[in-house]
PDB file of N, CA and C in Angstrom:
ATOM      1  N   MET A   1       0.850  -1.172   0.000  1.00  0.00           N
ATOM      2  CA  MET A   1       0.000   0.000   0.000  1.00  0.00           C
ATOM      3  C   MET A   1       0.896   1.235   0.000  1.00  0.00           C
ATOM      4  N   GLN A   2       0.499   2.242  -0.740  1.00  0.00           N
ATOM      5  CA  GLN A   2       1.286   3.456  -0.825  1.00  0.00           C
ATOM      6  C   GLN A   2       1.114   4.287   0.430  1.00  0.00           C
ATOM      7  N   LYS A   3       2.169   4.998   0.751  1.00  0.00           N
ATOM      8  CA  LYS A   3       2.101   5.873   1.908  1.00  0.00           C
ATOM      9  C   LYS A   3       1.406   7.167   1.498  1.00  0.00           C
ATOM     10  N   ILE A   4       0.519   7.633   2.328  1.00  0.00           N
ATOM     11  CA  ILE A   4      -0.243   8.844   2.033  1.00  0.00           C
ATOM     12  C   ILE A   4       0.603  10.050   2.423  1.00  0.00           C
ATOM     13  N   GLN A   5       0.858  10.929   1.432  1.00  0.00           N
ATOM     14  CA  GLN A   5       1.690  12.098   1.689  1.00  0.00           C
ATOM     15  C   GLN A   5       0.912  13.198   2.386  1.00  0.00           C
ATOM     16  N   SER A   6      -0.159  13.639   1.746  1.00  0.00           N
ATOM     17  CA  SER A   6      -0.958  14.702   2.359  1.00  0.00           C
ATOM     18  C   SER A   6      -2.389  14.211   2.454  1.00  0.00           C
ATOM     19  N   ASN A   7      -2.892  14.172   3.637  1.00  0.00           N
ATOM     20  CA  ASN A   7      -4.221  13.641   3.892  1.00  0.00           C
ATOM     21  C   ASN A   7      -5.313  14.631   3.498  1.00  0.00           C
ATOM     22  N   LYS A   8      -5.004  15.906   3.412  1.00  0.00           N
ATOM     23  CA  LYS A   8      -6.011  16.929   3.137  1.00  0.00           C
ATOM     24  C   LYS A   8      -6.415  16.962   1.669  1.00  0.00           C
ATOM     25  N   LYS A   9      -5.555  16.521   0.768  1.00  0.00           N
ATOM     26  CA  LYS A   9      -5.850  16.609  -0.656  1.00  0.00           C
ATOM     27  C   LYS A   9      -6.688  15.433  -1.163  1.00  0.00           C
ATOM     28  N   LEU A  10      -6.801  14.379  -0.385  1.00  0.00           N
ATOM     29  CA  LEU A  10      -7.539  13.202  -0.835  1.00  0.00           C
ATOM     30  C   LEU A  10      -9.038  13.403  -0.670  1.00  0.00           C
ATOM     31  N   PRO A  11      -9.815  12.901  -1.612  1.00  0.00           N
ATOM     32  CA  PRO A  11     -11.274  12.965  -1.459  1.00  0.00           C
ATOM     33  C   PRO A  11     -11.731  12.088  -0.292  1.00  0.00           C
ATOM     34  N   ALA A  12     -12.932  12.343   0.149  1.00  0.00           N
ATOM     35  CA  ALA A  12     -13.457  11.640   1.320  1.00  0.00           C
ATOM     36  C   ALA A  12     -13.606  10.146   1.061  1.00  0.00           C
ATOM     37  N   ILE A  13     -13.950   9.759  -0.152  1.00  0.00           N
ATOM     38  CA  ILE A  13     -14.143   8.337  -0.435  1.00  0.00           C
ATOM     39  C   ILE A  13     -12.821   7.581  -0.375  1.00  0.00           C
ATOM     40  N   ILE A  14     -11.740   8.220  -0.777  1.00  0.00           N
ATOM     41  CA  ILE A  14     -10.422   7.581  -0.704  1.00  0.00           C
ATOM     42  C   ILE A  14      -9.994   7.444   0.751  1.00  0.00           C
ATOM     43  N   LYS A  15     -10.289   8.463   1.565  1.00  0.00           N
ATOM     44  CA  LYS A  15      -9.984   8.370   2.995  1.00  0.00           C
ATOM     45  C   LYS A  15     -10.756   7.224   3.633  1.00  0.00           C
ATOM     46  N   LEU A  16     -12.018   7.079   3.234  1.00  0.00           N
ATOM     47  CA  LEU A  16     -12.838   5.993   3.765  1.00  0.00           C
ATOM     48  C   LEU A  16     -12.285   4.633   3.333  1.00  0.00           C
ATOM     49  N   LYS A  17     -11.822   4.557   2.094  1.00  0.00           N
ATOM     50  CA  LYS A  17     -11.228   3.312   1.595  1.00  0.00           C
ATOM     51  C   LYS A  17      -9.978   2.949   2.392  1.00  0.00           C
ATOM     52  N   TYR A  18      -9.112   3.914   2.628  1.00  0.00           N
ATOM     53  CA  TYR A  18      -7.899   3.652   3.401  1.00  0.00           C
ATOM     54  C   TYR A  18      -8.228   3.265   4.842  1.00  0.00           C
ATOM     55  N   PHE A  19      -9.263   3.880   5.408  1.00  0.00           N
ATOM     56  CA  PHE A  19      -9.667   3.542   6.775  1.00  0.00           C
ATOM     57  C   PHE A  19     -10.099   2.083   6.864  1.00  0.00           C
ATOM     58  N   PHE A  20     -10.934   1.645   5.916  1.00  0.00           N
ATOM     59  CA  PHE A  20     -11.400   0.260   5.948  1.00  0.00           C
ATOM     60  C   PHE A  20     -10.284  -0.726   5.622  1.00  0.00           C
ATOM     61  N   GLU A  21      -9.355  -0.333   4.750  1.00  0.00           N
ATOM     62  CA  GLU A  21      -8.223  -1.211   4.469  1.00  0.00           C
ATOM     63  C   GLU A  21      -7.333  -1.359   5.693  1.00  0.00           C
ATOM     64  N   LYS A  22      -7.168  -0.271   6.431  1.00  0.00           N
ATOM     65  CA  LYS A  22      -6.285  -0.300   7.598  1.00  0.00           C
ATOM     66  C   LYS A  22      -6.911  -1.064   8.756  1.00  0.00           C
ATOM     67  N   HIS A  23      -8.187  -0.836   9.025  1.00  0.00           N
ATOM     68  CA  HIS A  23      -8.817  -1.420  10.207  1.00  0.00           C
ATOM     69  C   HIS A  23      -9.644  -2.664   9.901  1.00  0.00           C
ATOM     70  N   GLY A  24     -10.110  -2.827   8.695  1.00  0.00           N
ATOM     71  CA  GLY A  24     -10.975  -3.955   8.364  1.00  0.00           C
ATOM     72  C   GLY A  24     -10.247  -5.284   8.337  1.00  0.00           C
ATOM     73  N   PHE A  25      -9.057  -5.317   7.772  1.00  0.00           N
ATOM     74  CA  PHE A  25      -8.313  -6.564   7.703  1.00  0.00           C
ATOM     75  C   PHE A  25      -7.763  -6.958   9.063  1.00  0.00           C
ATOM     76  N   HIS A  26      -7.632  -6.006   9.941  1.00  0.00           N
ATOM     77  CA  HIS A  26      -7.135  -6.301  11.281  1.00  0.00           C
ATOM     78  C   HIS A  26      -8.132  -7.159  12.049  1.00  0.00           C
ATOM     79  N   VAL A  27      -9.419  -6.982  11.767  1.00  0.00           N
ATOM     80  CA  VAL A  27     -10.452  -7.774  12.440  1.00  0.00           C
ATOM     81  C   VAL A  27     -10.305  -9.242  12.074  1.00  0.00           C
ATOM     82  N   SER A  28     -10.151  -9.530  10.799  1.00  0.00           N
ATOM     83  CA  SER A  28     -10.030 -10.930  10.390  1.00  0.00           C
ATOM     84  C   SER A  28      -8.719 -11.545  10.874  1.00  0.00           C
ATOM     85  N   SER A  29      -7.654 -10.766  10.944  1.00  0.00           N
ATOM     86  CA  SER A  29      -6.394 -11.328  11.439  1.00  0.00           C
ATOM     87  C   SER A  29      -6.454 -11.604  12.936  1.00  0.00           C
ATOM     88  N   ARG A  30      -7.109 -10.723  13.703  1.00  0.00           N
ATOM     89  CA  ARG A  30      -7.256 -10.988  15.139  1.00  0.00           C
ATOM     90  C   ARG A  30      -8.135 -12.202  15.382  1.00  0.00           C
ATOM     91  N   LEU A  31      -9.207 -12.337  14.614  1.00  0.00           N
ATOM     92  CA  LEU A  31     -10.090 -13.489  14.751  1.00  0.00           C
ATOM     93  C   LEU A  31      -9.359 -14.778  14.374  1.00  0.00           C
ATOM     94  N   ALA A  32      -8.536 -14.726  13.333  1.00  0.00           N
ATOM     95  CA  ALA A  32      -7.765 -15.898  12.927  1.00  0.00           C
ATOM     96  C   ALA A  32      -6.747 -16.278  13.998  1.00  0.00           C
ATOM     97  N   ASP A  33      -6.127 -15.287  14.633  1.00  0.00           N
ATOM     98  CA  ASP A  33      -5.181 -15.582  15.709  1.00  0.00           C
ATOM     99  C   ASP A  33      -5.875 -16.243  16.890  1.00  0.00           C
ATOM    100  N   LYS A  34      -7.056 -15.752  17.242  1.00  0.00           N
ATOM    101  CA  LYS A  34      -7.789 -16.337  18.373  1.00  0.00           C
ATOM    102  C   LYS A  34      -8.253 -17.758  18.083  1.00  0.00           C
ATOM    103  N   LEU A  35      -8.645 -18.025  16.831  1.00  0.00           N
ATOM    104  CA  LEU A  35      -9.135 -19.352  16.466  1.00  0.00           C
ATOM    105  C   LEU A  35      -8.020 -20.311  16.055  1.00  0.00           C
ATOM    106  N   GLY A  36      -6.821 -19.785  15.844  1.00  0.00           N
ATOM    107  CA  GLY A  36      -5.708 -20.629  15.423  1.00  0.00           C
ATOM    108  C   GLY A  36      -5.814 -21.049  13.975  1.00  0.00           C
ATOM    109  N   MET A  37      -6.350 -20.176  13.134  1.00  0.00           N
ATOM    110  CA  MET A  37      -6.535 -20.477  11.713  1.00  0.00           C
ATOM    111  C   MET A  37      -5.694 -19.528  10.875  1.00  0.00           C
ATOM    112  N   ARG A  38      -5.666 -19.799   9.571  1.00  0.00           N
ATOM    113  CA  ARG A  38      -5.006 -18.870   8.654  1.00  0.00           C
ATOM    114  C   ARG A  38      -5.948 -17.709   8.361  1.00  0.00           C
ATOM    115  N   VAL A  39      -5.382 -16.554   8.101  1.00  0.00           N
ATOM    116  CA  VAL A  39      -6.179 -15.351   7.842  1.00  0.00           C
ATOM    117  C   VAL A  39      -6.970 -15.502   6.548  1.00  0.00           C
ATOM    118  N   THR A  40      -6.381 -16.124   5.548  1.00  0.00           N
ATOM    119  CA  THR A  40      -7.090 -16.280   4.272  1.00  0.00           C
ATOM    120  C   THR A  40      -8.328 -17.150   4.428  1.00  0.00           C
ATOM    121  N   SER A  41      -8.260 -18.135   5.317  1.00  0.00           N
ATOM    122  CA  SER A  41      -9.438 -18.983   5.546  1.00  0.00           C
ATOM    123  C   SER A  41     -10.572 -18.194   6.181  1.00  0.00           C
ATOM    124  N   VAL A  42     -10.232 -17.306   7.105  1.00  0.00           N
ATOM    125  CA  VAL A  42     -11.262 -16.491   7.759  1.00  0.00           C
ATOM    126  C   VAL A  42     -11.882 -15.526   6.757  1.00  0.00           C
ATOM    127  N   ARG A  43     -11.061 -14.922   5.921  1.00  0.00           N
ATOM    128  CA  ARG A  43     -11.588 -13.991   4.914  1.00  0.00           C
ATOM    129  C   ARG A  43     -12.473 -14.720   3.907  1.00  0.00           C
ATOM    130  N   LEU A  44     -12.055 -15.907   3.477  1.00  0.00           N
ATOM    131  CA  LEU A  44     -12.884 -16.689   2.558  1.00  0.00           C
ATOM    132  C   LEU A  44     -14.200 -17.090   3.208  1.00  0.00           C
ATOM    133  N   PHE A  45     -14.162 -17.398   4.503  1.00  0.00           N
ATOM    134  CA  PHE A  45     -15.393 -17.730   5.215  1.00  0.00           C
ATOM    135  C   PHE A  45     -16.371 -16.559   5.173  1.00  0.00           C
ATOM    136  N   PHE A  46     -15.884 -15.340   5.419  1.00  0.00           N
ATOM    137  CA  PHE A  46     -16.755 -14.165   5.374  1.00  0.00           C
ATOM    138  C   PHE A  46     -17.314 -13.942   3.970  1.00  0.00           C
ATOM    139  N   ILE A  47     -16.507 -14.177   2.953  1.00  0.00           N
ATOM    140  CA  ILE A  47     -16.981 -14.018   1.577  1.00  0.00           C
ATOM    141  C   ILE A  47     -18.060 -15.045   1.265  1.00  0.00           C
ATOM    142  N   TYR A  48     -17.820 -16.302   1.639  1.00  0.00           N
ATOM    143  CA  TYR A  48     -18.812 -17.353   1.379  1.00  0.00           C
ATOM    144  C   TYR A  48     -20.102 -17.109   2.145  1.00  0.00           C
ATOM    145  N   ILE A  49     -19.998 -16.671   3.390  1.00  0.00           N
ATOM    146  CA  ILE A  49     -21.191 -16.392   4.191  1.00  0.00           C
ATOM    147  C   ILE A  49     -22.008 -15.263   3.568  1.00  0.00           C
ATOM    148  N   SER A  50     -21.336 -14.247   3.019  1.00  0.00           N
ATOM    149  CA  SER A  50     -22.082 -13.155   2.388  1.00  0.00           C
ATOM    150  C   SER A  50     -22.840 -13.654   1.157  1.00  0.00           C
ATOM    151  N   PHE A  51     -22.233 -14.541   0.360  1.00  0.00           N
ATOM    152  CA  PHE A  51     -22.939 -15.106  -0.787  1.00  0.00           C
ATOM    153  C   PHE A  51     -24.101 -15.989  -0.354  1.00  0.00           C
ATOM    154  N   VAL A  52     -23.920 -16.745   0.715  1.00  0.00           N
ATOM    155  CA  VAL A  52     -24.989 -17.621   1.203  1.00  0.00           C
ATOM    156  C   VAL A  52     -26.175 -16.800   1.682  1.00  0.00           C
ATOM    157  N   THR A  53     -25.916 -15.708   2.402  1.00  0.00           N
ATOM    158  CA  THR A  53     -27.032 -14.903   2.903  1.00  0.00           C
ATOM    159  C   THR A  53     -27.785 -14.222   1.765  1.00  0.00           C
ATOM    160  N   VAL A  54     -27.081 -13.781   0.746  1.00  0.00           N
ATOM    161  CA  VAL A  54     -27.764 -13.182  -0.404  1.00  0.00           C
ATOM    162  C   VAL A  54     -28.588 -14.246  -1.122  1.00  0.00           C
ATOM    163  N   GLY A  55     -28.024 -15.426  -1.306  1.00  0.00           N
ATOM    164  CA  GLY A  55     -28.747 -16.508  -1.964  1.00  0.00           C
ATOM    165  C   GLY A  55     -29.939 -16.984  -1.162  1.00  0.00           C
ATOM    166  N   LEU A  56     -29.809 -16.981   0.150  1.00  0.00           N
ATOM    167  CA  LEU A  56     -30.914 -17.406   1.005  1.00  0.00           C
ATOM    168  C   LEU A  56     -32.105 -16.471   0.843  1.00  0.00           C
ATOM    169  N   TRP A  57     -31.866 -15.176   0.857  1.00  0.00           N
ATOM    170  CA  TRP A  57     -32.972 -14.225   0.716  1.00  0.00           C
ATOM    171  C   TRP A  57     -33.565 -14.266  -0.681  1.00  0.00           C
ATOM    172  N   PHE A  58     -32.757 -14.579  -1.689  1.00  0.00           N
ATOM    173  CA  PHE A  58     -33.296 -14.737  -3.038  1.00  0.00           C
ATOM    174  C   PHE A  58     -34.219 -15.949  -3.094  1.00  0.00           C
ATOM    175  N   GLY A  59     -33.856 -17.019  -2.400  1.00  0.00           N
ATOM    176  CA  GLY A  59     -34.721 -18.196  -2.322  1.00  0.00           C
ATOM    177  C   GLY A  59     -36.021 -17.902  -1.598  1.00  0.00           C
ATOM    178  N   VAL A  60     -35.958 -17.120  -0.526  1.00  0.00           N
ATOM    179  CA  VAL A  60     -37.175 -16.724   0.199  1.00  0.00           C
ATOM    180  C   VAL A  60     -38.068 -15.889  -0.708  1.00  0.00           C
ATOM    181  N   TYR A  61     -37.459 -14.988  -1.470  1.00  0.00           N
ATOM    182  CA  TYR A  61     -38.218 -14.155  -2.399  1.00  0.00           C
ATOM    183  C   TYR A  61     -38.942 -15.014  -3.439  1.00  0.00           C
ATOM    184  N   LEU A  62     -38.247 -15.975  -4.023  1.00  0.00           N
ATOM    185  CA  LEU A  62     -38.876 -16.839  -5.023  1.00  0.00           C
ATOM    186  C   LEU A  62     -39.989 -17.688  -4.417  1.00  0.00           C
ATOM    187  N   THR A  63     -39.788 -18.172  -3.201  1.00  0.00           N
ATOM    188  CA  THR A  63     -40.822 -18.967  -2.535  1.00  0.00           C
ATOM    189  C   THR A  63     -42.070 -18.139  -2.283  1.00  0.00           C
ATOM    190  N   LEU A  64     -41.899 -16.926  -1.790  1.00  0.00           N
ATOM    191  CA  LEU A  64     -43.053 -16.062  -1.532  1.00  0.00           C
ATOM    192  C   LEU A  64     -43.763 -15.670  -2.826  1.00  0.00           C
ATOM    193  N   ALA A  65     -43.000 -15.417  -3.884  1.00  0.00           N
ATOM    194  CA  ALA A  65     -43.622 -15.078  -5.168  1.00  0.00           C
ATOM    195  C   ALA A  65     -44.437 -16.255  -5.703  1.00  0.00           C
ATOM    196  N   PHE A  66     -43.912 -17.463  -5.583  1.00  0.00           N
ATOM    197  CA  PHE A  66     -44.645 -18.650  -6.016  1.00  0.00           C
ATOM    198  C   PHE A  66     -45.897 -18.846  -5.171  1.00  0.00           C
ATOM    199  N   TRP A  67     -45.790 -18.621  -3.879  1.00  0.00           N
ATOM    200  CA  TRP A  67     -46.919 -18.796  -2.959  1.00  0.00           C
ATOM    201  C   TRP A  67     -48.048 -17.809  -3.276  1.00  0.00           C
ATOM    202  N   ILE A  68     -47.687 -16.552  -3.542  1.00  0.00           N
ATOM    203  CA  ILE A  68     -48.696 -15.539  -3.876  1.00  0.00           C
ATOM    204  C   ILE A  68     -49.357 -15.878  -5.214  1.00  0.00           C
ATOM    205  N   ARG A  69     -48.570 -16.325  -6.178  1.00  0.00           N
ATOM    206  CA  ARG A  69     -49.132 -16.708  -7.485  1.00  0.00           C
ATOM    207  C   ARG A  69     -50.078 -17.898  -7.334  1.00  0.00           C
ATOM    208  N   LEU A  70     -49.714 -18.854  -6.522  1.00  0.00           N
ATOM    209  CA  LEU A  70     -50.560 -20.016  -6.281  1.00  0.00           C
ATOM    210  C   LEU A  70     -51.852 -19.615  -5.579  1.00  0.00           C
ATOM    211  N   LYS A  71     -51.759 -18.703  -4.636  1.00  0.00           N
ATOM    212  CA  LYS A  71     -52.945 -18.210  -3.927  1.00  0.00           C
ATOM    213  C   LYS A  71     -53.897 -17.516  -4.897  1.00  0.00           C
ATOM    214  N   ASP A  72     -53.358 -16.720  -5.816  1.00  0.00           N
ATOM    215  CA  ASP A  72     -54.201 -16.041  -6.801  1.00  0.00           C
ATOM    216  C   ASP A  72     -54.873 -17.032  -7.746  1.00  0.00           C
ATOM    217  N   LEU A  73     -54.185 -18.103  -8.118  1.00  0.00           N
ATOM    218  CA  LEU A  73     -54.780 -19.115  -8.995  1.00  0.00           C
ATOM    219  C   LEU A  73     -55.903 -19.867  -8.290  1.00  0.00           C
ATOM    220  N   ILE A  74     -55.736 -20.157  -7.021  1.00  0.00           N
ATOM    221  CA  ILE A  74     -56.775 -20.869  -6.270  1.00  0.00           C
ATOM    222  C   ILE A  74     -58.004 -19.986  -6.100  1.00  0.00           C
ATOM    223  N   ARG A  75     -57.813 -18.724  -5.809  1.00  0.00           N
ATOM    224  CA  ARG A  75     -58.951 -17.813  -5.643  1.00  0.00           C
ATOM    225  C   ARG A  75     -59.681 -17.576  -6.959  1.00  0.00           C
ATOM    226  N   ALA A  76     -58.976 -17.597  -8.068  1.00  0.00           N
ATOM    227  CA  ALA A  76     -59.607 -17.344  -9.365  1.00  0.00           C
ATOM    228  C   ALA A  76     -60.492 -18.513  -9.786  1.00  0.00           C
ATOM    229  N   LYS A  77     -60.220 -19.724  -9.348  1.00  0.00           N
ATOM    230  CA  LYS A  77     -60.995 -20.892  -9.750  1.00  0.00           C
ATOM    231  C   LYS A  77     -62.292 -21.036  -8.964  1.00  0.00           C
ATOM    232  N   ARG A  78     -62.422 -20.404  -7.839  1.00  0.00           N
ATOM    233  CA  ARG A  78     -63.648 -20.503  -7.049  1.00  0.00           C
ATOM    234  C   ARG A  78     -64.779 -19.744  -7.744  1.00  0.00           C
ATOM    235  N   THR A  79     -65.947 -20.317  -7.708  1.00  0.00           N
ATOM    236  CA  THR A  79     -67.098 -19.608  -8.256  1.00  0.00           C
ATOM    237  C   THR A  79     -67.814 -18.893  -7.123  1.00  0.00           C
ATOM    238  N   SER A  80     -68.324 -17.772  -7.436  1.00  0.00           N
ATOM    239  CA  SER A  80     -69.015 -16.975  -6.437  1.00  0.00           C
ATOM    240  C   SER A  80     -70.508 -17.294  -6.467  1.00  0.00           C
ATOM    241  N   VAL A  81     -71.171 -16.976  -5.402  1.00  0.00           N
ATOM    242  CA  VAL A  81     -72.620 -17.150  -5.331  1.00  0.00           C
ATOM    243  C   VAL A  81     -73.298 -16.204  -6.321  1.00  0.00           C
ATOM    244  N   PHE A  82     -72.722 -15.061  -6.531  1.00  0.00           N
ATOM    245  CA  PHE A  82     -73.331 -14.057  -7.395  1.00  0.00           C
ATOM    246  C   PHE A  82     -73.143 -14.368  -8.877  1.00  0.00           C
ATOM    247  N   ASP A  83     -72.250 -15.318  -9.222  1.00  0.00           N
ATOM    248  CA  ASP A  83     -72.039 -15.695 -10.616  1.00  0.00           C
ATOM    249  C   ASP A  83     -73.116 -16.644 -11.126  1.00  0.00           C
ATOM    250  N   LEU A  84     -73.912 -17.229 -10.267  1.00  0.00           N
ATOM    251  CA  LEU A  84     -74.947 -18.186 -10.673  1.00  0.00           C
ATOM    252  C   LEU A  84     -76.051 -17.501 -11.345  1.00  0.00           C
TER     253      LEU A  84
END
């Protein structure tokens, strides 16, 4: 990583990026030290968990959409008393 010469000239988004790079990876390394694992394994675990949670909610969305569609089909097939 490059050393930052003047902090005042950088845009706010770059400062935020450097902040997360400096402090974010430290969390996974401390957790890996406590668990006795490699840091790359902990980082990969976080990446996989994020994909699983996104996929899980996509599955819930598809299930609810199918359920609502099925409910509408069942209600449409019923005949009303007023249709006689």
